[in-house]
């Protein structure tokens, strides 16, 4: 039996092609009116790229210090709530609290922290030591526990000096270029008069170090020598703006009473406003003396402390009218060591006194 629709189409004289519905939808989707804009497409691609971040980078953001936001290089401390701090920032927070006469608090949760309440996180220290870091010279990645050795002795791009620098060669460059430079360096062929300036500088530094040792051996020949293992404790002045200072208890030397007093940043009004910190100290005679006492003295690391100090010998003639030495720098290596001392409850050291007999 004939299809009525075919008869109508043939009778009207119009040829029509019937297109299936799925084909119509496919043609519509291909039309330009329904294409996704390029800008939106790029945005979706960028969002997808963020999910491809490496695991070590994500761990770096999790294990970083809560203060400096950098990965710790050595010890890692944590408060009782688990927030992490590197050793430098931890001692800096404790030192700031000491200078302000406040309780030290965690920068994240504000819980009280101290050397006794905070603990080291050994698991984080080991994890951080295995994370990769870039060499500052060749930009290659190495684990943090091997990076220091690579930069100091293995990297071909590390900066080195010419082996003739002791006679005045100023060249500094990548380690792999040093053989070529040294082969053509002109300093080995210079006359003695030309290199005398460099040798004079070396002799000056050597003489300074030798003078210290010579002075110590000379002082050891004195008849009157004494040493005391002391502790300095923090105190506050009675001024309107309380300033911190350190002082020892009275101790006996050469049948006289003495104290050692120290202050921060040369008695700066607010040491917390400065990123650079140092300590100065003075020796004070507390008892009466019938005649002037020429005293040589120096501070060393004692058996009950771990102060990192570069010994310097000082001299002062003590008398009833001049019983205080001037404030002199406590020869600490850097600001970090000063902060470490401020973070402690007391500062332990050994004081050696030499009295020249009259």
C-alpha atoms as a PDB file:
ATOM      1  CA  UNK A   1       0.000   0.000   0.000  1.00  0.00           C
ATOM      2  CA  UNK A   2       1.450   3.433  -1.017  1.00  0.00           C
ATOM      3  CA  UNK A   3       2.480   6.008   1.643  1.00  0.00           C
ATOM      4  CA  UNK A   4       0.083   9.016   1.549  1.00  0.00           C
ATOM      5  CA  UNK A   5       2.893  11.441   2.447  1.00  0.00           C
ATOM      6  CA  UNK A   6       4.914  10.371  -0.571  1.00  0.00           C
ATOM      7  CA  UNK A   7       1.919  10.900  -2.825  1.00  0.00           C
ATOM      8  CA  UNK A   8       1.402  14.459  -1.504  1.00  0.00           C
ATOM      9  CA  UNK A   9       5.088  15.339  -2.028  1.00  0.00           C
ATOM     10  CA  UNK A  10       5.077  13.959  -5.580  1.00  0.00           C
ATOM     11  CA  UNK A  11       1.823  15.627  -6.467  1.00  0.00           C
ATOM     12  CA  UNK A  12       3.054  19.064  -5.412  1.00  0.00           C
ATOM     13  CA  UNK A  13       6.157  18.680  -7.582  1.00  0.00           C
ATOM     14  CA  UNK A  14       8.606  19.599  -4.723  1.00  0.00           C
ATOM     15  CA  UNK A  15      11.471  17.281  -3.900  1.00  0.00           C
ATOM     16  CA  UNK A  16      12.201  17.224  -0.133  1.00  0.00           C
ATOM     17  CA  UNK A  17      14.877  15.299   1.711  1.00  0.00           C
ATOM     18  CA  UNK A  18      14.012  14.040   5.167  1.00  0.00           C
ATOM     19  CA  UNK A  19      16.929  14.622   7.721  1.00  0.00           C
ATOM     20  CA  UNK A  20      17.061  12.514  10.876  1.00  0.00           C
ATOM     21  CA  UNK A  21      16.770  14.355  14.212  1.00  0.00           C
ATOM     22  CA  UNK A  22      20.262  13.386  15.576  1.00  0.00           C
ATOM     23  CA  UNK A  23      21.896  14.860  12.485  1.00  0.00           C
ATOM     24  CA  UNK A  24      20.047  18.170  13.063  1.00  0.00           C
ATOM     25  CA  UNK A  25      21.379  18.458  16.637  1.00  0.00           C
ATOM     26  CA  UNK A  26      24.939  17.763  15.495  1.00  0.00           C
ATOM     27  CA  UNK A  27      24.751  20.500  12.846  1.00  0.00           C
ATOM     28  CA  UNK A  28      23.449  22.981  15.402  1.00  0.00           C
ATOM     29  CA  UNK A  29      26.230  22.259  17.872  1.00  0.00           C
ATOM     30  CA  UNK A  30      28.816  22.920  15.144  1.00  0.00           C
ATOM     31  CA  UNK A  31      27.462  26.355  14.363  1.00  0.00           C
ATOM     32  CA  UNK A  32      29.591  29.336  15.464  1.00  0.00           C
ATOM     33  CA  UNK A  33      26.762  30.845  17.508  1.00  0.00           C
ATOM     34  CA  UNK A  34      27.095  28.076  20.091  1.00  0.00           C
ATOM     35  CA  UNK A  35      30.919  27.950  20.345  1.00  0.00           C
ATOM     36  CA  UNK A  36      32.475  28.682  23.782  1.00  0.00           C
ATOM     37  CA  UNK A  37      34.360  32.032  23.902  1.00  0.00           C
ATOM     38  CA  UNK A  38      38.158  31.794  23.770  1.00  0.00           C
ATOM     39  CA  UNK A  39      38.646  33.771  26.969  1.00  0.00           C
ATOM     40  CA  UNK A  40      36.480  31.420  28.995  1.00  0.00           C
ATOM     41  CA  UNK A  41      38.203  28.408  27.493  1.00  0.00           C
ATOM     42  CA  UNK A  42      41.647  29.694  28.530  1.00  0.00           C
ATOM     43  CA  UNK A  43      40.411  30.353  32.048  1.00  0.00           C
ATOM     44  CA  UNK A  44      39.256  26.753  32.380  1.00  0.00           C
ATOM     45  CA  UNK A  45      42.647  25.533  31.187  1.00  0.00           C
ATOM     46  CA  UNK A  46      44.470  27.670  33.758  1.00  0.00           C
ATOM     47  CA  UNK A  47      42.285  26.310  36.539  1.00  0.00           C
ATOM     48  CA  UNK A  48      43.051  22.769  35.423  1.00  0.00           C
ATOM     49  CA  UNK A  49      46.791  23.569  35.456  1.00  0.00           C
ATOM     50  CA  UNK A  50      46.705  24.507  39.144  1.00  0.00           C
ATOM     51  CA  UNK A  51      45.825  20.969  40.132  1.00  0.00           C
ATOM     52  CA  UNK A  52      49.108  19.734  38.622  1.00  0.00           C
ATOM     53  CA  UNK A  53      51.275  21.411  41.322  1.00  0.00           C
ATOM     54  CA  UNK A  54      54.061  19.153  42.529  1.00  0.00           C
ATOM     55  CA  UNK A  55      53.809  17.469  45.888  1.00  0.00           C
ATOM     56  CA  UNK A  56      57.051  19.034  47.176  1.00  0.00           C
ATOM     57  CA  UNK A  57      55.712  22.529  46.499  1.00  0.00           C
ATOM     58  CA  UNK A  58      52.491  21.783  48.376  1.00  0.00           C
ATOM     59  CA  UNK A  59      54.498  20.381  51.289  1.00  0.00           C
ATOM     60  CA  UNK A  60      56.670  23.483  51.272  1.00  0.00           C
ATOM     61  CA  UNK A  61      53.621  25.637  51.916  1.00  0.00           C
ATOM     62  CA  UNK A  62      52.474  23.362  54.736  1.00  0.00           C
ATOM     63  CA  UNK A  63      55.807  22.927  56.540  1.00  0.00           C
ATOM     64  CA  UNK A  64      56.997  26.531  56.317  1.00  0.00           C
ATOM     65  CA  UNK A  65      57.688  28.727  59.358  1.00  0.00           C
ATOM     66  CA  UNK A  66      54.641  30.641  60.629  1.00  0.00           C
ATOM     67  CA  UNK A  67      56.725  33.816  61.053  1.00  0.00           C
ATOM     68  CA  UNK A  68      59.052  34.151  58.031  1.00  0.00           C
ATOM     69  CA  UNK A  69      57.001  31.819  55.762  1.00  0.00           C
ATOM     70  CA  UNK A  70      60.202  30.100  54.638  1.00  0.00           C
ATOM     71  CA  UNK A  71      61.241  26.483  55.035  1.00  0.00           C
ATOM     72  CA  UNK A  72      63.401  25.995  58.151  1.00  0.00           C
ATOM     73  CA  UNK A  73      67.086  25.281  57.628  1.00  0.00           C
ATOM     74  CA  UNK A  74      67.769  23.515  60.921  1.00  0.00           C
ATOM     75  CA  UNK A  75      65.677  23.041  64.064  1.00  0.00           C
ATOM     76  CA  UNK A  76      61.867  23.334  63.903  1.00  0.00           C
ATOM     77  CA  UNK A  77      59.889  24.300  67.005  1.00  0.00           C
ATOM     78  CA  UNK A  78      56.152  24.041  67.527  1.00  0.00           C
ATOM     79  CA  UNK A  79      53.667  25.443  70.011  1.00  0.00           C
ATOM     80  CA  UNK A  80      51.273  23.157  71.893  1.00  0.00           C
ATOM     81  CA  UNK A  81      48.783  23.548  69.013  1.00  0.00           C
ATOM     82  CA  UNK A  82      51.329  22.394  66.437  1.00  0.00           C
ATOM     83  CA  UNK A  83      52.199  25.668  64.643  1.00  0.00           C
ATOM     84  CA  UNK A  84      55.742  25.548  63.306  1.00  0.00           C
ATOM     85  CA  UNK A  85      58.573  28.066  63.712  1.00  0.00           C
ATOM     86  CA  UNK A  86      62.185  27.936  62.580  1.00  0.00           C
ATOM     87  CA  UNK A  87      64.865  28.289  65.255  1.00  0.00           C
ATOM     88  CA  UNK A  88      65.766  31.875  64.298  1.00  0.00           C
ATOM     89  CA  UNK A  89      62.183  33.145  64.406  1.00  0.00           C
ATOM     90  CA  UNK A  90      61.464  31.213  67.607  1.00  0.00           C
ATOM     91  CA  UNK A  91      64.322  32.896  69.473  1.00  0.00           C
ATOM     92  CA  UNK A  92      63.401  36.265  67.922  1.00  0.00           C
ATOM     93  CA  UNK A  93      59.826  35.985  69.254  1.00  0.00           C
ATOM     94  CA  UNK A  94      61.127  35.083  72.723  1.00  0.00           C
ATOM     95  CA  UNK A  95      63.649  37.946  72.617  1.00  0.00           C
ATOM     96  CA  UNK A  96      60.971  40.486  71.622  1.00  0.00           C
ATOM     97  CA  UNK A  97      58.798  39.340  74.505  1.00  0.00           C
ATOM     98  CA  UNK A  98      61.748  39.718  76.890  1.00  0.00           C
ATOM     99  CA  UNK A  99      62.414  43.267  75.689  1.00  0.00           C
ATOM    100  CA  UNK A 100      58.732  44.226  76.011  1.00  0.00           C
ATOM    101  CA  UNK A 101      58.374  42.487  79.391  1.00  0.00           C
ATOM    102  CA  UNK A 102      55.513  40.401  78.030  1.00  0.00           C
ATOM    103  CA  UNK A 103      54.690  36.729  77.679  1.00  0.00           C
ATOM    104  CA  UNK A 104      55.799  35.258  74.366  1.00  0.00           C
ATOM    105  CA  UNK A 105      52.909  33.965  72.252  1.00  0.00           C
ATOM    106  CA  UNK A 106      52.562  31.919  69.090  1.00  0.00           C
ATOM    107  CA  UNK A 107      52.088  34.239  66.075  1.00  0.00           C
ATOM    108  CA  UNK A 108      49.256  31.999  64.796  1.00  0.00           C
ATOM    109  CA  UNK A 109      47.089  31.049  67.756  1.00  0.00           C
ATOM    110  CA  UNK A 110      48.436  33.430  70.455  1.00  0.00           C
ATOM    111  CA  UNK A 111      48.964  30.625  72.928  1.00  0.00           C
ATOM    112  CA  UNK A 112      51.823  31.156  75.374  1.00  0.00           C
ATOM    113  CA  UNK A 113      55.164  29.728  74.283  1.00  0.00           C
ATOM    114  CA  UNK A 114      58.503  29.345  76.027  1.00  0.00           C
ATOM    115  CA  UNK A 115      61.604  27.193  75.794  1.00  0.00           C
ATOM    116  CA  UNK A 116      59.975  24.674  78.117  1.00  0.00           C
ATOM    117  CA  UNK A 117      56.481  24.576  76.580  1.00  0.00           C
ATOM    118  CA  UNK A 118      57.568  24.545  72.929  1.00  0.00           C
ATOM    119  CA  UNK A 119      59.080  21.365  71.535  1.00  0.00           C
ATOM    120  CA  UNK A 120      61.091  20.391  68.493  1.00  0.00           C
ATOM    121  CA  UNK A 121      59.295  18.546  65.696  1.00  0.00           C
ATOM    122  CA  UNK A 122      61.831  15.992  64.483  1.00  0.00           C
ATOM    123  CA  UNK A 123      59.492  14.534  61.846  1.00  0.00           C
ATOM    124  CA  UNK A 124      59.114  17.920  60.159  1.00  0.00           C
ATOM    125  CA  UNK A 125      62.878  18.515  60.349  1.00  0.00           C
ATOM    126  CA  UNK A 126      63.535  15.240  58.526  1.00  0.00           C
ATOM    127  CA  UNK A 127      60.787  15.891  55.966  1.00  0.00           C
ATOM    128  CA  UNK A 128      62.107  19.390  55.212  1.00  0.00           C
ATOM    129  CA  UNK A 129      65.657  18.069  54.829  1.00  0.00           C
ATOM    130  CA  UNK A 130      64.443  15.781  52.013  1.00  0.00           C
ATOM    131  CA  UNK A 131      62.549  18.473  50.097  1.00  0.00           C
ATOM    132  CA  UNK A 132      64.277  19.824  46.973  1.00  0.00           C
ATOM    133  CA  UNK A 133      65.866  23.258  46.800  1.00  0.00           C
ATOM    134  CA  UNK A 134      67.636  25.088  44.001  1.00  0.00           C
ATOM    135  CA  UNK A 135      71.376  25.673  44.042  1.00  0.00           C
ATOM    136  CA  UNK A 136      72.013  29.422  44.061  1.00  0.00           C
ATOM    137  CA  UNK A 137      74.756  29.020  41.447  1.00  0.00           C
ATOM    138  CA  UNK A 138      73.663  26.391  38.914  1.00  0.00           C
ATOM    139  CA  UNK A 139      69.862  26.448  39.625  1.00  0.00           C
ATOM    140  CA  UNK A 140      69.715  22.643  39.781  1.00  0.00           C
ATOM    141  CA  UNK A 141      67.578  20.973  42.431  1.00  0.00           C
ATOM    142  CA  UNK A 142      69.052  18.958  45.290  1.00  0.00           C
ATOM    143  CA  UNK A 143      67.687  17.710  48.587  1.00  0.00           C
ATOM    144  CA  UNK A 144      68.211  20.260  51.350  1.00  0.00           C
ATOM    145  CA  UNK A 145      70.414  17.942  53.391  1.00  0.00           C
ATOM    146  CA  UNK A 146      72.945  17.752  50.522  1.00  0.00           C
ATOM    147  CA  UNK A 147      72.580  21.275  49.115  1.00  0.00           C
ATOM    148  CA  UNK A 148      75.115  22.930  51.437  1.00  0.00           C
ATOM    149  CA  UNK A 149      77.858  20.448  50.535  1.00  0.00           C
ATOM    150  CA  UNK A 150      77.070  20.849  46.838  1.00  0.00           C
ATOM    151  CA  UNK A 151      77.270  24.663  47.003  1.00  0.00           C
ATOM    152  CA  UNK A 152      80.456  24.643  49.097  1.00  0.00           C
ATOM    153  CA  UNK A 153      82.572  22.086  47.296  1.00  0.00           C
ATOM    154  CA  UNK A 154      80.904  20.367  44.320  1.00  0.00           C
ATOM    155  CA  UNK A 155      79.088  22.942  42.178  1.00  0.00           C
ATOM    156  CA  UNK A 156      81.042  23.940  39.081  1.00  0.00           C
ATOM    157  CA  UNK A 157      79.304  27.325  39.024  1.00  0.00           C
ATOM    158  CA  UNK A 158      80.153  28.286  42.634  1.00  0.00           C
ATOM    159  CA  UNK A 159      82.071  31.527  43.036  1.00  0.00           C
ATOM    160  CA  UNK A 160      85.755  31.084  43.868  1.00  0.00           C
ATOM    161  CA  UNK A 161      88.796  33.337  44.112  1.00  0.00           C
ATOM    162  CA  UNK A 162      92.048  33.059  42.250  1.00  0.00           C
ATOM    163  CA  UNK A 163      94.705  31.057  44.090  1.00  0.00           C
ATOM    164  CA  UNK A 164      96.935  34.121  43.762  1.00  0.00           C
ATOM    165  CA  UNK A 165      94.489  36.323  45.686  1.00  0.00           C
ATOM    166  CA  UNK A 166      96.990  36.389  48.583  1.00  0.00           C
ATOM    167  CA  UNK A 167      99.301  38.483  46.440  1.00  0.00           C
ATOM    168  CA  UNK A 168      96.606  40.853  45.223  1.00  0.00           C
ATOM    169  CA  UNK A 169      94.653  39.183  42.394  1.00  0.00           C
ATOM    170  CA  UNK A 170      91.047  40.444  42.636  1.00  0.00           C
ATOM    171  CA  UNK A 171      89.481  37.877  40.263  1.00  0.00           C
ATOM    172  CA  UNK A 172      86.371  36.058  41.413  1.00  0.00           C
ATOM    173  CA  UNK A 173      84.289  33.846  39.152  1.00  0.00           C
ATOM    174  CA  UNK A 174      82.765  30.410  38.499  1.00  0.00           C
ATOM    175  CA  UNK A 175      84.869  27.517  39.707  1.00  0.00           C
ATOM    176  CA  UNK A 176      85.120  25.906  36.259  1.00  0.00           C
ATOM    177  CA  UNK A 177      86.720  29.097  34.874  1.00  0.00           C
ATOM    178  CA  UNK A 178      89.413  29.345  37.553  1.00  0.00           C
ATOM    179  CA  UNK A 179      91.969  26.991  35.856  1.00  0.00           C
ATOM    180  CA  UNK A 180      91.886  29.041  32.672  1.00  0.00           C
ATOM    181  CA  UNK A 181      92.208  32.308  34.601  1.00  0.00           C
ATOM    182  CA  UNK A 182      95.060  31.035  36.785  1.00  0.00           C
ATOM    183  CA  UNK A 183      96.936  29.849  33.687  1.00  0.00           C
ATOM    184  CA  UNK A 184      96.908  33.427  32.339  1.00  0.00           C
ATOM    185  CA  UNK A 185      96.989  35.335  35.657  1.00  0.00           C
ATOM    186  CA  UNK A 186      99.632  38.096  35.617  1.00  0.00           C
ATOM    187  CA  UNK A 187     100.107  38.295  39.404  1.00  0.00           C
ATOM    188  CA  UNK A 188     102.633  35.413  39.685  1.00  0.00           C
ATOM    189  CA  UNK A 189     104.939  37.357  37.357  1.00  0.00           C
ATOM    190  CA  UNK A 190     104.749  40.665  39.251  1.00  0.00           C
ATOM    191  CA  UNK A 191     107.717  41.953  41.190  1.00  0.00           C
ATOM    192  CA  UNK A 192     107.971  41.898  44.959  1.00  0.00           C
ATOM    193  CA  UNK A 193     107.389  45.643  45.117  1.00  0.00           C
ATOM    194  CA  UNK A 194     104.082  45.227  43.248  1.00  0.00           C
ATOM    195  CA  UNK A 195     102.683  42.681  45.706  1.00  0.00           C
ATOM    196  CA  UNK A 196     103.889  44.393  48.897  1.00  0.00           C
ATOM    197  CA  UNK A 197     100.518  46.133  49.431  1.00  0.00           C
ATOM    198  CA  UNK A 198      98.612  42.827  49.508  1.00  0.00           C
ATOM    199  CA  UNK A 199     101.223  41.241  51.768  1.00  0.00           C
ATOM    200  CA  UNK A 200     101.011  44.204  54.149  1.00  0.00           C
ATOM    201  CA  UNK A 201      97.240  43.685  54.568  1.00  0.00           C
ATOM    202  CA  UNK A 202      97.793  39.989  55.323  1.00  0.00           C
ATOM    203  CA  UNK A 203     100.507  40.844  57.865  1.00  0.00           C
ATOM    204  CA  UNK A 204      98.176  43.335  59.592  1.00  0.00           C
ATOM    205  CA  UNK A 205      95.430  40.731  60.111  1.00  0.00           C
ATOM    206  CA  UNK A 206      97.924  38.117  61.263  1.00  0.00           C
ATOM    207  CA  UNK A 207      99.546  40.558  63.673  1.00  0.00           C
ATOM    208  CA  UNK A 208      96.186  41.434  65.238  1.00  0.00           C
ATOM    209  CA  UNK A 209      95.390  37.775  65.951  1.00  0.00           C
ATOM    210  CA  UNK A 210      98.916  37.152  67.238  1.00  0.00           C
ATOM    211  CA  UNK A 211      98.746  40.178  69.530  1.00  0.00           C
ATOM    212  CA  UNK A 212      95.674  38.728  71.265  1.00  0.00           C
ATOM    213  CA  UNK A 213      97.453  35.453  72.010  1.00  0.00           C
ATOM    214  CA  UNK A 214     100.621  37.246  73.104  1.00  0.00           C
ATOM    215  CA  UNK A 215      98.598  39.421  75.501  1.00  0.00           C
ATOM    216  CA  UNK A 216      96.871  36.367  76.992  1.00  0.00           C
ATOM    217  CA  UNK A 217     100.206  34.609  77.636  1.00  0.00           C
ATOM    218  CA  UNK A 218     101.646  37.778  79.140  1.00  0.00           C
ATOM    219  CA  UNK A 219      98.620  38.184  81.448  1.00  0.00           C
ATOM    220  CA  UNK A 220      98.930  34.546  82.550  1.00  0.00           C
ATOM    221  CA  UNK A 221     102.276  35.469  84.096  1.00  0.00           C
ATOM    222  CA  UNK A 222     100.594  37.922  86.512  1.00  0.00           C
ATOM    223  CA  UNK A 223     100.603  37.059  90.176  1.00  0.00           C
ATOM    224  CA  UNK A 224      96.923  37.847  90.734  1.00  0.00           C
ATOM    225  CA  UNK A 225      94.512  36.023  88.426  1.00  0.00           C
ATOM    226  CA  UNK A 226      90.946  35.015  89.141  1.00  0.00           C
ATOM    227  CA  UNK A 227      87.973  33.725  87.182  1.00  0.00           C
ATOM    228  CA  UNK A 228      84.293  33.570  88.028  1.00  0.00           C
ATOM    229  CA  UNK A 229      81.437  31.694  86.360  1.00  0.00           C
ATOM    230  CA  UNK A 230      78.605  34.212  86.406  1.00  0.00           C
ATOM    231  CA  UNK A 231      74.965  34.610  85.394  1.00  0.00           C
ATOM    232  CA  UNK A 232      73.348  37.831  84.219  1.00  0.00           C
ATOM    233  CA  UNK A 233      69.613  38.203  84.878  1.00  0.00           C
ATOM    234  CA  UNK A 234      67.209  40.706  83.262  1.00  0.00           C
ATOM    235  CA  UNK A 235      65.933  43.709  85.233  1.00  0.00           C
ATOM    236  CA  UNK A 236      63.916  46.861  84.482  1.00  0.00           C
ATOM    237  CA  UNK A 237      64.775  50.491  85.155  1.00  0.00           C
ATOM    238  CA  UNK A 238      62.493  52.724  87.247  1.00  0.00           C
ATOM    239  CA  UNK A 239      62.010  55.236  84.429  1.00  0.00           C
ATOM    240  CA  UNK A 240      58.614  56.073  82.931  1.00  0.00           C
ATOM    241  CA  UNK A 241      59.539  53.942  79.926  1.00  0.00           C
ATOM    242  CA  UNK A 242      61.044  50.833  81.502  1.00  0.00           C
ATOM    243  CA  UNK A 243      64.283  49.761  79.850  1.00  0.00           C
ATOM    244  CA  UNK A 244      65.731  46.311  80.187  1.00  0.00           C
ATOM    245  CA  UNK A 245      69.245  45.732  81.481  1.00  0.00           C
ATOM    246  CA  UNK A 246      71.163  42.691  82.709  1.00  0.00           C
ATOM    247  CA  UNK A 247      73.210  42.415  85.877  1.00  0.00           C
ATOM    248  CA  UNK A 248      75.046  39.716  87.801  1.00  0.00           C
ATOM    249  CA  UNK A 249      74.976  39.151  91.534  1.00  0.00           C
ATOM    250  CA  UNK A 250      77.934  40.484  93.489  1.00  0.00           C
ATOM    251  CA  UNK A 251      81.030  38.316  93.304  1.00  0.00           C
ATOM    252  CA  UNK A 252      84.412  38.484  94.985  1.00  0.00           C
ATOM    253  CA  UNK A 253      87.738  38.983  93.229  1.00  0.00           C
ATOM    254  CA  UNK A 254      90.993  40.270  94.746  1.00  0.00           C
ATOM    255  CA  UNK A 255      89.184  40.792  98.080  1.00  0.00           C
ATOM    256  CA  UNK A 256      86.744  43.249  96.484  1.00  0.00           C
ATOM    257  CA  UNK A 257      83.089  43.105  95.417  1.00  0.00           C
ATOM    258  CA  UNK A 258      82.234  43.412  91.724  1.00  0.00           C
ATOM    259  CA  UNK A 259      79.253  43.181  89.367  1.00  0.00           C
ATOM    260  CA  UNK A 260      78.901  42.994  85.595  1.00  0.00           C
ATOM    261  CA  UNK A 261      76.146  45.019  83.966  1.00  0.00           C
ATOM    262  CA  UNK A 262      74.931  44.852  80.336  1.00  0.00           C
ATOM    263  CA  UNK A 263      72.425  46.702  78.149  1.00  0.00           C
ATOM    264  CA  UNK A 264      70.852  46.224  74.722  1.00  0.00           C
ATOM    265  CA  UNK A 265      71.619  48.327  71.623  1.00  0.00           C
ATOM    266  CA  UNK A 266      73.552  50.870  73.677  1.00  0.00           C
ATOM    267  CA  UNK A 267      70.480  51.594  75.840  1.00  0.00           C
ATOM    268  CA  UNK A 268      68.158  52.200  72.870  1.00  0.00           C
ATOM    269  CA  UNK A 269      64.687  53.450  73.880  1.00  0.00           C
ATOM    270  CA  UNK A 270      62.851  50.570  72.157  1.00  0.00           C
ATOM    271  CA  UNK A 271      65.168  47.779  70.897  1.00  0.00           C
ATOM    272  CA  UNK A 272      62.185  45.923  69.381  1.00  0.00           C
ATOM    273  CA  UNK A 273      62.088  48.557  66.628  1.00  0.00           C
ATOM    274  CA  UNK A 274      65.522  47.511  65.393  1.00  0.00           C
ATOM    275  CA  UNK A 275      66.321  44.367  63.439  1.00  0.00           C
ATOM    276  CA  UNK A 276      70.002  44.617  64.423  1.00  0.00           C
ATOM    277  CA  UNK A 277      70.775  43.885  68.064  1.00  0.00           C
ATOM    278  CA  UNK A 278      73.920  43.862  70.141  1.00  0.00           C
ATOM    279  CA  UNK A 279      74.952  43.986  73.786  1.00  0.00           C
ATOM    280  CA  UNK A 280      77.437  46.180  75.642  1.00  0.00           C
ATOM    281  CA  UNK A 281      78.744  45.514  79.137  1.00  0.00           C
ATOM    282  CA  UNK A 282      80.748  47.143  81.923  1.00  0.00           C
ATOM    283  CA  UNK A 283      82.626  45.962  84.996  1.00  0.00           C
ATOM    284  CA  UNK A 284      81.760  47.798  88.240  1.00  0.00           C
ATOM    285  CA  UNK A 285      83.741  47.857  91.476  1.00  0.00           C
ATOM    286  CA  UNK A 286      81.281  47.846  94.406  1.00  0.00           C
ATOM    287  CA  UNK A 287      83.677  48.094  97.352  1.00  0.00           C
ATOM    288  CA  UNK A 288      86.163  50.747  98.493  1.00  0.00           C
ATOM    289  CA  UNK A 289      89.802  50.551  97.482  1.00  0.00           C
ATOM    290  CA  UNK A 290      92.785  52.301  99.024  1.00  0.00           C
ATOM    291  CA  UNK A 291      94.804  52.462  95.819  1.00  0.00           C
ATOM    292  CA  UNK A 292      94.075  52.283  92.078  1.00  0.00           C
ATOM    293  CA  UNK A 293      93.659  48.800  90.669  1.00  0.00           C
ATOM    294  CA  UNK A 294      94.784  48.265  87.054  1.00  0.00           C
ATOM    295  CA  UNK A 295      92.560  45.422  85.896  1.00  0.00           C
ATOM    296  CA  UNK A 296      92.638  43.503  82.610  1.00  0.00           C
ATOM    297  CA  UNK A 297      89.489  41.461  81.941  1.00  0.00           C
ATOM    298  CA  UNK A 298      87.799  39.405  79.247  1.00  0.00           C
ATOM    299  CA  UNK A 299      84.614  37.379  78.833  1.00  0.00           C
ATOM    300  CA  UNK A 300      84.608  33.765  77.637  1.00  0.00           C
ATOM    301  CA  UNK A 301      82.094  30.988  77.179  1.00  0.00           C
ATOM    302  CA  UNK A 302      81.789  29.281  80.530  1.00  0.00           C
ATOM    303  CA  UNK A 303      81.259  25.617  81.429  1.00  0.00           C
ATOM    304  CA  UNK A 304      77.584  26.255  82.240  1.00  0.00           C
ATOM    305  CA  UNK A 305      76.688  28.288  79.155  1.00  0.00           C
ATOM    306  CA  UNK A 306      76.950  28.165  75.375  1.00  0.00           C
ATOM    307  CA  UNK A 307      77.575  31.817  74.528  1.00  0.00           C
ATOM    308  CA  UNK A 308      79.348  32.267  71.190  1.00  0.00           C
ATOM    309  CA  UNK A 309      81.770  35.098  71.888  1.00  0.00           C
ATOM    310  CA  UNK A 310      85.017  36.288  70.285  1.00  0.00           C
ATOM    311  CA  UNK A 311      87.330  37.122  73.222  1.00  0.00           C
ATOM    312  CA  UNK A 312      88.639  40.680  73.559  1.00  0.00           C
ATOM    313  CA  UNK A 313      90.931  41.924  76.346  1.00  0.00           C
ATOM    314  CA  UNK A 314      90.074  45.258  77.990  1.00  0.00           C
ATOM    315  CA  UNK A 315      91.850  47.305  80.646  1.00  0.00           C
ATOM    316  CA  UNK A 316      90.632  49.824  83.210  1.00  0.00           C
ATOM    317  CA  UNK A 317      92.181  51.457  86.260  1.00  0.00           C
ATOM    318  CA  UNK A 318      89.611  51.188  89.057  1.00  0.00           C
ATOM    319  CA  UNK A 319      89.588  53.615  91.970  1.00  0.00           C
ATOM    320  CA  UNK A 320      87.094  55.133  94.419  1.00  0.00           C
ATOM    321  CA  UNK A 321      86.444  58.029  92.028  1.00  0.00           C
ATOM    322  CA  UNK A 322      86.339  55.873  88.913  1.00  0.00           C
ATOM    323  CA  UNK A 323      84.756  52.557  89.878  1.00  0.00           C
ATOM    324  CA  UNK A 324      82.954  51.813  86.580  1.00  0.00           C
ATOM    325  CA  UNK A 325      84.559  50.802  83.316  1.00  0.00           C
ATOM    326  CA  UNK A 326      83.089  52.235  80.102  1.00  0.00           C
ATOM    327  CA  UNK A 327      80.472  50.187  78.253  1.00  0.00           C
ATOM    328  CA  UNK A 328      82.245  47.981  75.742  1.00  0.00           C
ATOM    329  CA  UNK A 329      80.774  45.751  73.014  1.00  0.00           C
ATOM    330  CA  UNK A 330      80.143  42.160  74.000  1.00  0.00           C
ATOM    331  CA  UNK A 331      81.834  40.536  70.981  1.00  0.00           C
ATOM    332  CA  UNK A 332      78.986  38.367  69.718  1.00  0.00           C
ATOM    333  CA  UNK A 333      79.155  37.113  66.116  1.00  0.00           C
ATOM    334  CA  UNK A 334      75.736  38.377  64.952  1.00  0.00           C
ATOM    335  CA  UNK A 335      72.197  39.504  65.835  1.00  0.00           C
ATOM    336  CA  UNK A 336      70.916  35.910  65.931  1.00  0.00           C
ATOM    337  CA  UNK A 337      73.275  35.106  68.805  1.00  0.00           C
ATOM    338  CA  UNK A 338      72.100  38.212  70.694  1.00  0.00           C
ATOM    339  CA  UNK A 339      68.466  37.125  70.256  1.00  0.00           C
ATOM    340  CA  UNK A 340      69.349  33.643  71.484  1.00  0.00           C
ATOM    341  CA  UNK A 341      70.852  35.093  74.665  1.00  0.00           C
ATOM    342  CA  UNK A 342      67.834  37.353  75.207  1.00  0.00           C
ATOM    343  CA  UNK A 343      65.483  34.372  74.787  1.00  0.00           C
ATOM    344  CA  UNK A 344      67.151  32.576  77.689  1.00  0.00           C
ATOM    345  CA  UNK A 345      66.189  33.262  81.291  1.00  0.00           C
ATOM    346  CA  UNK A 346      69.808  33.966  82.244  1.00  0.00           C
ATOM    347  CA  UNK A 347      73.082  34.587  80.386  1.00  0.00           C
ATOM    348  CA  UNK A 348      75.928  32.394  81.651  1.00  0.00           C
ATOM    349  CA  UNK A 349      79.587  33.221  80.975  1.00  0.00           C
ATOM    350  CA  UNK A 350      83.079  33.140  82.504  1.00  0.00           C
ATOM    351  CA  UNK A 351      84.863  36.366  83.486  1.00  0.00           C
ATOM    352  CA  UNK A 352      88.657  36.316  83.887  1.00  0.00           C
ATOM    353  CA  UNK A 353      90.358  39.167  85.779  1.00  0.00           C
ATOM    354  CA  UNK A 354      94.083  39.967  85.847  1.00  0.00           C
ATOM    355  CA  UNK A 355      95.430  42.439  88.380  1.00  0.00           C
ATOM    356  CA  UNK A 356      98.837  44.015  87.840  1.00  0.00           C
ATOM    357  CA  UNK A 357     100.673  44.080  91.163  1.00  0.00           C
ATOM    358  CA  UNK A 358     101.998  47.416  92.377  1.00  0.00           C
END
